[in-house]
């Protein structure tokens, strides 16, 4: 099973971010505050807090000291529980699974798709350019490609044109399965896993839940510097 947890952060203020950062280890604070803009800081922060909340919700061991980053930039904590984080616009999305997983969310915005023709697999480029809405087609395909590359742990450093991510099943030797989803208006989402017929559950987190739990958790966790998202 894949669990998708997502949150719209648009009502989270700089003060909220500052307060929550006080309950994180210094190395994570340094990682988040290196971003200059509030929008970037809140997305990075809440991606991490959603992971912590999911682990505790599932009664899994969680310690911020176990937070690691792979050479390809993929975070991980517990070998028994894989996760992958993505964000776009004001949304943060995290996919959780007991197997490798990649996820991507993108907002559909105006874009000159002609400029990307040479960067994609020829079949992908044709699909985009001949779609009735080439803008939407581009971002749908981009999420699929990102989710796949994140699942296999490569990222986009090797280029975008090697794999055709239009099919739902990729790779003949080690199969990967792609799913396109649309549950946020004006956004595309894709998930990739190496498990066939994997059910996907979607849970939206609401800012009012977070706001109610923040003050309580700050009172309860002042000594151990941990923050839960849910009461």
C-alpha atoms as a PDB file:
ATOM      1  CA  UNK A   1       0.000   0.000   0.000  1.00  0.00           C
ATOM      2  CA  UNK A   2       1.031   3.590  -0.643  1.00  0.00           C
ATOM      3  CA  UNK A   3      -0.224   6.327   1.677  1.00  0.00           C
ATOM      4  CA  UNK A   4      -0.254   9.867   0.302  1.00  0.00           C
ATOM      5  CA  UNK A   5      -0.470  12.655   2.868  1.00  0.00           C
ATOM      6  CA  UNK A   6      -0.713  16.215   1.625  1.00  0.00           C
ATOM      7  CA  UNK A   7      -1.132  19.713   3.015  1.00  0.00           C
ATOM      8  CA  UNK A   8      -1.798  23.196   1.661  1.00  0.00           C
ATOM      9  CA  UNK A   9       0.635  25.471   3.545  1.00  0.00           C
ATOM     10  CA  UNK A  10      -0.664  28.828   2.299  1.00  0.00           C
ATOM     11  CA  UNK A  11      -2.023  29.887   5.717  1.00  0.00           C
ATOM     12  CA  UNK A  12       1.210  29.003   7.568  1.00  0.00           C
ATOM     13  CA  UNK A  13       2.867  32.241   8.656  1.00  0.00           C
ATOM     14  CA  UNK A  14       6.564  33.047   9.147  1.00  0.00           C
ATOM     15  CA  UNK A  15       5.848  33.110  12.885  1.00  0.00           C
ATOM     16  CA  UNK A  16       4.458  29.560  12.730  1.00  0.00           C
ATOM     17  CA  UNK A  17       7.607  28.400  10.964  1.00  0.00           C
ATOM     18  CA  UNK A  18       9.847  30.164  13.475  1.00  0.00           C
ATOM     19  CA  UNK A  19       7.990  28.588  16.400  1.00  0.00           C
ATOM     20  CA  UNK A  20       8.163  25.058  15.001  1.00  0.00           C
ATOM     21  CA  UNK A  21      11.840  25.342  14.110  1.00  0.00           C
ATOM     22  CA  UNK A  22      12.595  25.839  17.794  1.00  0.00           C
ATOM     23  CA  UNK A  23      11.644  22.198  18.358  1.00  0.00           C
ATOM     24  CA  UNK A  24      13.926  20.669  15.747  1.00  0.00           C
ATOM     25  CA  UNK A  25      17.589  19.603  15.951  1.00  0.00           C
ATOM     26  CA  UNK A  26      20.055  22.270  14.907  1.00  0.00           C
ATOM     27  CA  UNK A  27      21.193  20.402  11.791  1.00  0.00           C
ATOM     28  CA  UNK A  28      17.635  20.390  10.426  1.00  0.00           C
ATOM     29  CA  UNK A  29      17.161  24.027  11.392  1.00  0.00           C
ATOM     30  CA  UNK A  30      20.317  24.876   9.463  1.00  0.00           C
ATOM     31  CA  UNK A  31      19.104  22.900   6.454  1.00  0.00           C
ATOM     32  CA  UNK A  32      15.747  24.688   6.379  1.00  0.00           C
ATOM     33  CA  UNK A  33      16.897  28.220   7.191  1.00  0.00           C
ATOM     34  CA  UNK A  34      19.474  28.211   4.407  1.00  0.00           C
ATOM     35  CA  UNK A  35      16.492  28.921   2.177  1.00  0.00           C
ATOM     36  CA  UNK A  36      15.988  32.651   1.954  1.00  0.00           C
ATOM     37  CA  UNK A  37      12.259  32.831   1.300  1.00  0.00           C
ATOM     38  CA  UNK A  38       9.462  31.956   3.716  1.00  0.00           C
ATOM     39  CA  UNK A  39       7.631  29.940   1.041  1.00  0.00           C
ATOM     40  CA  UNK A  40      10.608  27.605   0.626  1.00  0.00           C
ATOM     41  CA  UNK A  41      11.183  27.262   4.360  1.00  0.00           C
ATOM     42  CA  UNK A  42       7.590  26.306   5.140  1.00  0.00           C
ATOM     43  CA  UNK A  43       7.510  23.676   2.373  1.00  0.00           C
ATOM     44  CA  UNK A  44      10.755  22.082   3.553  1.00  0.00           C
ATOM     45  CA  UNK A  45       9.688  22.235   7.191  1.00  0.00           C
ATOM     46  CA  UNK A  46       6.253  20.709   6.740  1.00  0.00           C
ATOM     47  CA  UNK A  47       7.546  17.972   4.482  1.00  0.00           C
ATOM     48  CA  UNK A  48       9.655  16.830   7.407  1.00  0.00           C
ATOM     49  CA  UNK A  49       6.931  17.290  10.011  1.00  0.00           C
ATOM     50  CA  UNK A  50       4.508  15.219   7.950  1.00  0.00           C
ATOM     51  CA  UNK A  51       7.060  12.388   7.908  1.00  0.00           C
ATOM     52  CA  UNK A  52       7.463  12.575  11.683  1.00  0.00           C
ATOM     53  CA  UNK A  53       3.697  12.623  12.191  1.00  0.00           C
ATOM     54  CA  UNK A  54       3.149   9.611   9.903  1.00  0.00           C
ATOM     55  CA  UNK A  55       5.773   7.551  11.700  1.00  0.00           C
ATOM     56  CA  UNK A  56       4.219   8.289  15.066  1.00  0.00           C
ATOM     57  CA  UNK A  57       0.710   7.730  13.716  1.00  0.00           C
ATOM     58  CA  UNK A  58       1.834   4.274  12.531  1.00  0.00           C
ATOM     59  CA  UNK A  59       3.654   3.589  15.830  1.00  0.00           C
ATOM     60  CA  UNK A  60       7.015   3.420  14.087  1.00  0.00           C
ATOM     61  CA  UNK A  61      10.244   4.423  15.781  1.00  0.00           C
ATOM     62  CA  UNK A  62      11.274   7.943  14.833  1.00  0.00           C
ATOM     63  CA  UNK A  63      14.323   9.972  15.772  1.00  0.00           C
ATOM     64  CA  UNK A  64      15.484  13.126  14.006  1.00  0.00           C
ATOM     65  CA  UNK A  65      19.057  11.869  14.359  1.00  0.00           C
ATOM     66  CA  UNK A  66      18.157   9.035  11.960  1.00  0.00           C
ATOM     67  CA  UNK A  67      17.263  11.482   9.185  1.00  0.00           C
ATOM     68  CA  UNK A  68      19.728  10.858   6.344  1.00  0.00           C
ATOM     69  CA  UNK A  69      20.087  11.955   2.724  1.00  0.00           C
ATOM     70  CA  UNK A  70      21.185   9.533   0.006  1.00  0.00           C
ATOM     71  CA  UNK A  71      23.864  10.546  -2.535  1.00  0.00           C
ATOM     72  CA  UNK A  72      21.027  11.229  -5.001  1.00  0.00           C
ATOM     73  CA  UNK A  73      19.366  13.553  -2.480  1.00  0.00           C
ATOM     74  CA  UNK A  74      16.606  11.161  -1.351  1.00  0.00           C
ATOM     75  CA  UNK A  75      15.847  11.367   2.404  1.00  0.00           C
ATOM     76  CA  UNK A  76      15.301   8.293   4.541  1.00  0.00           C
ATOM     77  CA  UNK A  77      14.964   7.413   8.240  1.00  0.00           C
ATOM     78  CA  UNK A  78      13.833   3.877   8.921  1.00  0.00           C
ATOM     79  CA  UNK A  79      14.722   1.007   6.548  1.00  0.00           C
ATOM     80  CA  UNK A  80      11.305  -0.576   7.184  1.00  0.00           C
ATOM     81  CA  UNK A  81       9.428   2.506   5.947  1.00  0.00           C
ATOM     82  CA  UNK A  82      10.237   4.285   2.693  1.00  0.00           C
ATOM     83  CA  UNK A  83       8.960   7.766   1.932  1.00  0.00           C
ATOM     84  CA  UNK A  84       9.383  10.466  -0.668  1.00  0.00           C
ATOM     85  CA  UNK A  85       8.590  14.178  -0.455  1.00  0.00           C
ATOM     86  CA  UNK A  86       7.477  16.585  -3.160  1.00  0.00           C
ATOM     87  CA  UNK A  87       6.106  20.121  -3.146  1.00  0.00           C
ATOM     88  CA  UNK A  88       4.847  22.662  -5.627  1.00  0.00           C
ATOM     89  CA  UNK A  89       3.048  25.959  -5.229  1.00  0.00           C
ATOM     90  CA  UNK A  90       1.778  25.911  -1.642  1.00  0.00           C
ATOM     91  CA  UNK A  91       1.292  22.128  -1.436  1.00  0.00           C
ATOM     92  CA  UNK A  92       3.467  19.549   0.304  1.00  0.00           C
ATOM     93  CA  UNK A  93       2.948  15.889  -0.568  1.00  0.00           C
ATOM     94  CA  UNK A  94       4.582  12.846   1.030  1.00  0.00           C
ATOM     95  CA  UNK A  95       4.264   9.244  -0.177  1.00  0.00           C
ATOM     96  CA  UNK A  96       4.823   6.394   2.304  1.00  0.00           C
ATOM     97  CA  UNK A  97       5.352   2.715   1.518  1.00  0.00           C
ATOM     98  CA  UNK A  98       7.157  -0.369   2.777  1.00  0.00           C
ATOM     99  CA  UNK A  99       8.787  -0.529  -0.676  1.00  0.00           C
ATOM    100  CA  UNK A 100      10.693   2.014  -2.724  1.00  0.00           C
ATOM    101  CA  UNK A 101       8.498   4.888  -3.811  1.00  0.00           C
ATOM    102  CA  UNK A 102       8.807   8.124  -5.732  1.00  0.00           C
ATOM    103  CA  UNK A 103       6.277  10.947  -5.885  1.00  0.00           C
ATOM    104  CA  UNK A 104       5.989  14.280  -7.640  1.00  0.00           C
ATOM    105  CA  UNK A 105       3.462  17.106  -7.651  1.00  0.00           C
ATOM    106  CA  UNK A 106       3.498  19.957 -10.154  1.00  0.00           C
ATOM    107  CA  UNK A 107       1.283  22.974 -10.667  1.00  0.00           C
ATOM    108  CA  UNK A 108       0.095  23.563 -14.232  1.00  0.00           C
ATOM    109  CA  UNK A 109       1.387  27.002 -15.239  1.00  0.00           C
ATOM    110  CA  UNK A 110       1.928  28.686 -18.626  1.00  0.00           C
ATOM    111  CA  UNK A 111       4.998  27.260 -20.293  1.00  0.00           C
ATOM    112  CA  UNK A 112       6.559  27.241 -23.754  1.00  0.00           C
ATOM    113  CA  UNK A 113       6.598  23.494 -24.355  1.00  0.00           C
ATOM    114  CA  UNK A 114       8.473  23.901 -27.638  1.00  0.00           C
ATOM    115  CA  UNK A 115      11.641  24.582 -25.656  1.00  0.00           C
ATOM    116  CA  UNK A 116      11.668  21.089 -24.097  1.00  0.00           C
ATOM    117  CA  UNK A 117      11.358  18.945 -27.234  1.00  0.00           C
ATOM    118  CA  UNK A 118      15.006  17.822 -27.272  1.00  0.00           C
ATOM    119  CA  UNK A 119      15.080  17.092 -23.539  1.00  0.00           C
ATOM    120  CA  UNK A 120      12.479  14.323 -23.639  1.00  0.00           C
ATOM    121  CA  UNK A 121      12.216  10.881 -25.170  1.00  0.00           C
ATOM    122  CA  UNK A 122      10.916  11.285 -28.769  1.00  0.00           C
ATOM    123  CA  UNK A 123       7.593   9.572 -27.962  1.00  0.00           C
ATOM    124  CA  UNK A 124       7.119  11.832 -24.954  1.00  0.00           C
ATOM    125  CA  UNK A 125       7.818  14.946 -27.007  1.00  0.00           C
ATOM    126  CA  UNK A 126       5.277  13.881 -29.615  1.00  0.00           C
ATOM    127  CA  UNK A 127       2.697  13.189 -26.910  1.00  0.00           C
ATOM    128  CA  UNK A 128       3.126  16.679 -25.444  1.00  0.00           C
ATOM    129  CA  UNK A 129       3.186  18.603 -28.697  1.00  0.00           C
ATOM    130  CA  UNK A 130       0.133  16.835 -30.145  1.00  0.00           C
ATOM    131  CA  UNK A 131      -2.047  16.948 -27.031  1.00  0.00           C
ATOM    132  CA  UNK A 132      -5.140  19.164 -27.018  1.00  0.00           C
ATOM    133  CA  UNK A 133      -3.684  20.862 -23.928  1.00  0.00           C
ATOM    134  CA  UNK A 134       0.079  20.637 -24.334  1.00  0.00           C
ATOM    135  CA  UNK A 135       0.708  22.603 -21.140  1.00  0.00           C
ATOM    136  CA  UNK A 136      -1.238  20.147 -18.985  1.00  0.00           C
ATOM    137  CA  UNK A 137       0.275  17.202 -20.882  1.00  0.00           C
ATOM    138  CA  UNK A 138       3.774  18.480 -20.184  1.00  0.00           C
ATOM    139  CA  UNK A 139       3.255  18.706 -16.433  1.00  0.00           C
ATOM    140  CA  UNK A 140       1.470  15.351 -16.290  1.00  0.00           C
ATOM    141  CA  UNK A 141       4.421  13.717 -18.040  1.00  0.00           C
ATOM    142  CA  UNK A 142       6.940  15.654 -15.952  1.00  0.00           C
ATOM    143  CA  UNK A 143       5.428  14.285 -12.726  1.00  0.00           C
ATOM    144  CA  UNK A 144       5.608  10.737 -14.088  1.00  0.00           C
ATOM    145  CA  UNK A 145       9.239  11.142 -15.083  1.00  0.00           C
ATOM    146  CA  UNK A 146      10.204  12.756 -11.764  1.00  0.00           C
ATOM    147  CA  UNK A 147       8.363  10.101  -9.739  1.00  0.00           C
ATOM    148  CA  UNK A 148      10.127   7.326 -11.639  1.00  0.00           C
ATOM    149  CA  UNK A 149      13.582   8.878 -11.341  1.00  0.00           C
ATOM    150  CA  UNK A 150      13.040   9.551  -7.630  1.00  0.00           C
ATOM    151  CA  UNK A 151      11.831   5.981  -7.044  1.00  0.00           C
ATOM    152  CA  UNK A 152      14.953   4.470  -8.593  1.00  0.00           C
ATOM    153  CA  UNK A 153      17.093   7.039  -6.773  1.00  0.00           C
ATOM    154  CA  UNK A 154      18.700   8.752  -9.742  1.00  0.00           C
ATOM    155  CA  UNK A 155      17.055  12.156  -9.954  1.00  0.00           C
ATOM    156  CA  UNK A 156      17.335  14.073 -13.230  1.00  0.00           C
ATOM    157  CA  UNK A 157      21.144  14.417 -13.275  1.00  0.00           C
ATOM    158  CA  UNK A 158      21.451  11.832 -16.060  1.00  0.00           C
ATOM    159  CA  UNK A 159      19.022  13.671 -18.294  1.00  0.00           C
ATOM    160  CA  UNK A 160      15.348  13.277 -19.149  1.00  0.00           C
ATOM    161  CA  UNK A 161      15.409  11.688 -22.576  1.00  0.00           C
ATOM    162  CA  UNK A 162      16.576   8.132 -21.752  1.00  0.00           C
ATOM    163  CA  UNK A 163      13.275   6.742 -20.446  1.00  0.00           C
ATOM    164  CA  UNK A 164       9.828   6.910 -21.992  1.00  0.00           C
ATOM    165  CA  UNK A 165       7.498   7.416 -19.017  1.00  0.00           C
ATOM    166  CA  UNK A 166       4.239   7.297 -20.944  1.00  0.00           C
ATOM    167  CA  UNK A 167       3.614   3.558 -20.220  1.00  0.00           C
ATOM    168  CA  UNK A 168       2.291   2.539 -16.806  1.00  0.00           C
ATOM    169  CA  UNK A 169       4.932  -0.210 -16.545  1.00  0.00           C
ATOM    170  CA  UNK A 170       8.609   0.609 -17.108  1.00  0.00           C
ATOM    171  CA  UNK A 171      11.783  -1.447 -17.403  1.00  0.00           C
ATOM    172  CA  UNK A 172      11.839  -5.075 -18.511  1.00  0.00           C
ATOM    173  CA  UNK A 173      14.179  -6.486 -15.853  1.00  0.00           C
ATOM    174  CA  UNK A 174      13.082  -4.614 -12.723  1.00  0.00           C
ATOM    175  CA  UNK A 175       9.533  -3.423 -13.313  1.00  0.00           C
ATOM    176  CA  UNK A 176       8.349  -0.060 -12.045  1.00  0.00           C
ATOM    177  CA  UNK A 177       4.701   0.967 -12.003  1.00  0.00           C
ATOM    178  CA  UNK A 178       3.531   4.535 -12.625  1.00  0.00           C
ATOM    179  CA  UNK A 179       0.245   6.081 -11.475  1.00  0.00           C
ATOM    180  CA  UNK A 180      -1.036   9.525 -12.502  1.00  0.00           C
ATOM    181  CA  UNK A 181      -3.430  11.166 -10.044  1.00  0.00           C
ATOM    182  CA  UNK A 182      -5.392  14.400  -9.970  1.00  0.00           C
ATOM    183  CA  UNK A 183      -6.887  15.310  -6.590  1.00  0.00           C
ATOM    184  CA  UNK A 184      -5.783  18.953  -6.299  1.00  0.00           C
ATOM    185  CA  UNK A 185      -7.220  21.418  -8.850  1.00  0.00           C
ATOM    186  CA  UNK A 186      -4.620  22.751 -11.313  1.00  0.00           C
ATOM    187  CA  UNK A 187      -1.992  20.244 -10.129  1.00  0.00           C
ATOM    188  CA  UNK A 188      -0.763  16.911 -11.470  1.00  0.00           C
ATOM    189  CA  UNK A 189       0.542  14.128  -9.217  1.00  0.00           C
ATOM    190  CA  UNK A 190       2.385  10.924 -10.077  1.00  0.00           C
ATOM    191  CA  UNK A 191       3.524   7.996  -7.934  1.00  0.00           C
ATOM    192  CA  UNK A 192       5.996   5.273  -8.851  1.00  0.00           C
ATOM    193  CA  UNK A 193       6.618   1.982  -7.061  1.00  0.00           C
ATOM    194  CA  UNK A 194       8.066  -1.449  -7.814  1.00  0.00           C
ATOM    195  CA  UNK A 195       4.918  -3.213  -6.558  1.00  0.00           C
ATOM    196  CA  UNK A 196       2.174  -4.177  -9.035  1.00  0.00           C
ATOM    197  CA  UNK A 197      -1.486  -3.449  -8.240  1.00  0.00           C
ATOM    198  CA  UNK A 198      -0.517  -1.392  -5.214  1.00  0.00           C
ATOM    199  CA  UNK A 199      -3.505   0.346  -3.567  1.00  0.00           C
ATOM    200  CA  UNK A 200      -3.122   4.075  -2.909  1.00  0.00           C
ATOM    201  CA  UNK A 201      -4.812   5.960  -0.071  1.00  0.00           C
ATOM    202  CA  UNK A 202      -4.946   9.766   0.032  1.00  0.00           C
ATOM    203  CA  UNK A 203      -5.236  11.871   3.186  1.00  0.00           C
ATOM    204  CA  UNK A 204      -5.479  15.637   3.260  1.00  0.00           C
ATOM    205  CA  UNK A 205      -4.076  17.404   6.302  1.00  0.00           C
ATOM    206  CA  UNK A 206      -5.817  20.630   7.314  1.00  0.00           C
ATOM    207  CA  UNK A 207      -3.973  23.673   8.692  1.00  0.00           C
ATOM    208  CA  UNK A 208      -6.513  24.078  11.506  1.00  0.00           C
ATOM    209  CA  UNK A 209      -5.537  20.613  12.760  1.00  0.00           C
ATOM    210  CA  UNK A 210      -1.915  21.673  12.775  1.00  0.00           C
ATOM    211  CA  UNK A 211      -2.598  24.958  14.512  1.00  0.00           C
ATOM    212  CA  UNK A 212      -4.608  23.292  17.277  1.00  0.00           C
ATOM    213  CA  UNK A 213      -1.962  20.666  17.888  1.00  0.00           C
ATOM    214  CA  UNK A 214       1.030  23.009  17.751  1.00  0.00           C
ATOM    215  CA  UNK A 215       0.338  24.852  21.005  1.00  0.00           C
ATOM    216  CA  UNK A 216      -0.451  21.629  22.837  1.00  0.00           C
ATOM    217  CA  UNK A 217       2.593  19.829  21.528  1.00  0.00           C
ATOM    218  CA  UNK A 218       4.857  22.744  22.314  1.00  0.00           C
ATOM    219  CA  UNK A 219       3.697  22.566  25.926  1.00  0.00           C
ATOM    220  CA  UNK A 220       4.105  18.792  26.127  1.00  0.00           C
ATOM    221  CA  UNK A 221       7.424  18.512  24.290  1.00  0.00           C
ATOM    222  CA  UNK A 222       9.361  21.522  25.484  1.00  0.00           C
ATOM    223  CA  UNK A 223      12.013  19.318  27.061  1.00  0.00           C
ATOM    224  CA  UNK A 224      12.605  16.769  24.327  1.00  0.00           C
ATOM    225  CA  UNK A 225      12.329  19.151  21.339  1.00  0.00           C
ATOM    226  CA  UNK A 226       9.909  16.970  19.364  1.00  0.00           C
ATOM    227  CA  UNK A 227       6.814  18.227  17.569  1.00  0.00           C
ATOM    228  CA  UNK A 228       3.761  16.152  16.603  1.00  0.00           C
ATOM    229  CA  UNK A 229       1.321  17.377  13.962  1.00  0.00           C
ATOM    230  CA  UNK A 230      -1.700  15.640  15.395  1.00  0.00           C
ATOM    231  CA  UNK A 231      -3.233  15.727  18.892  1.00  0.00           C
END
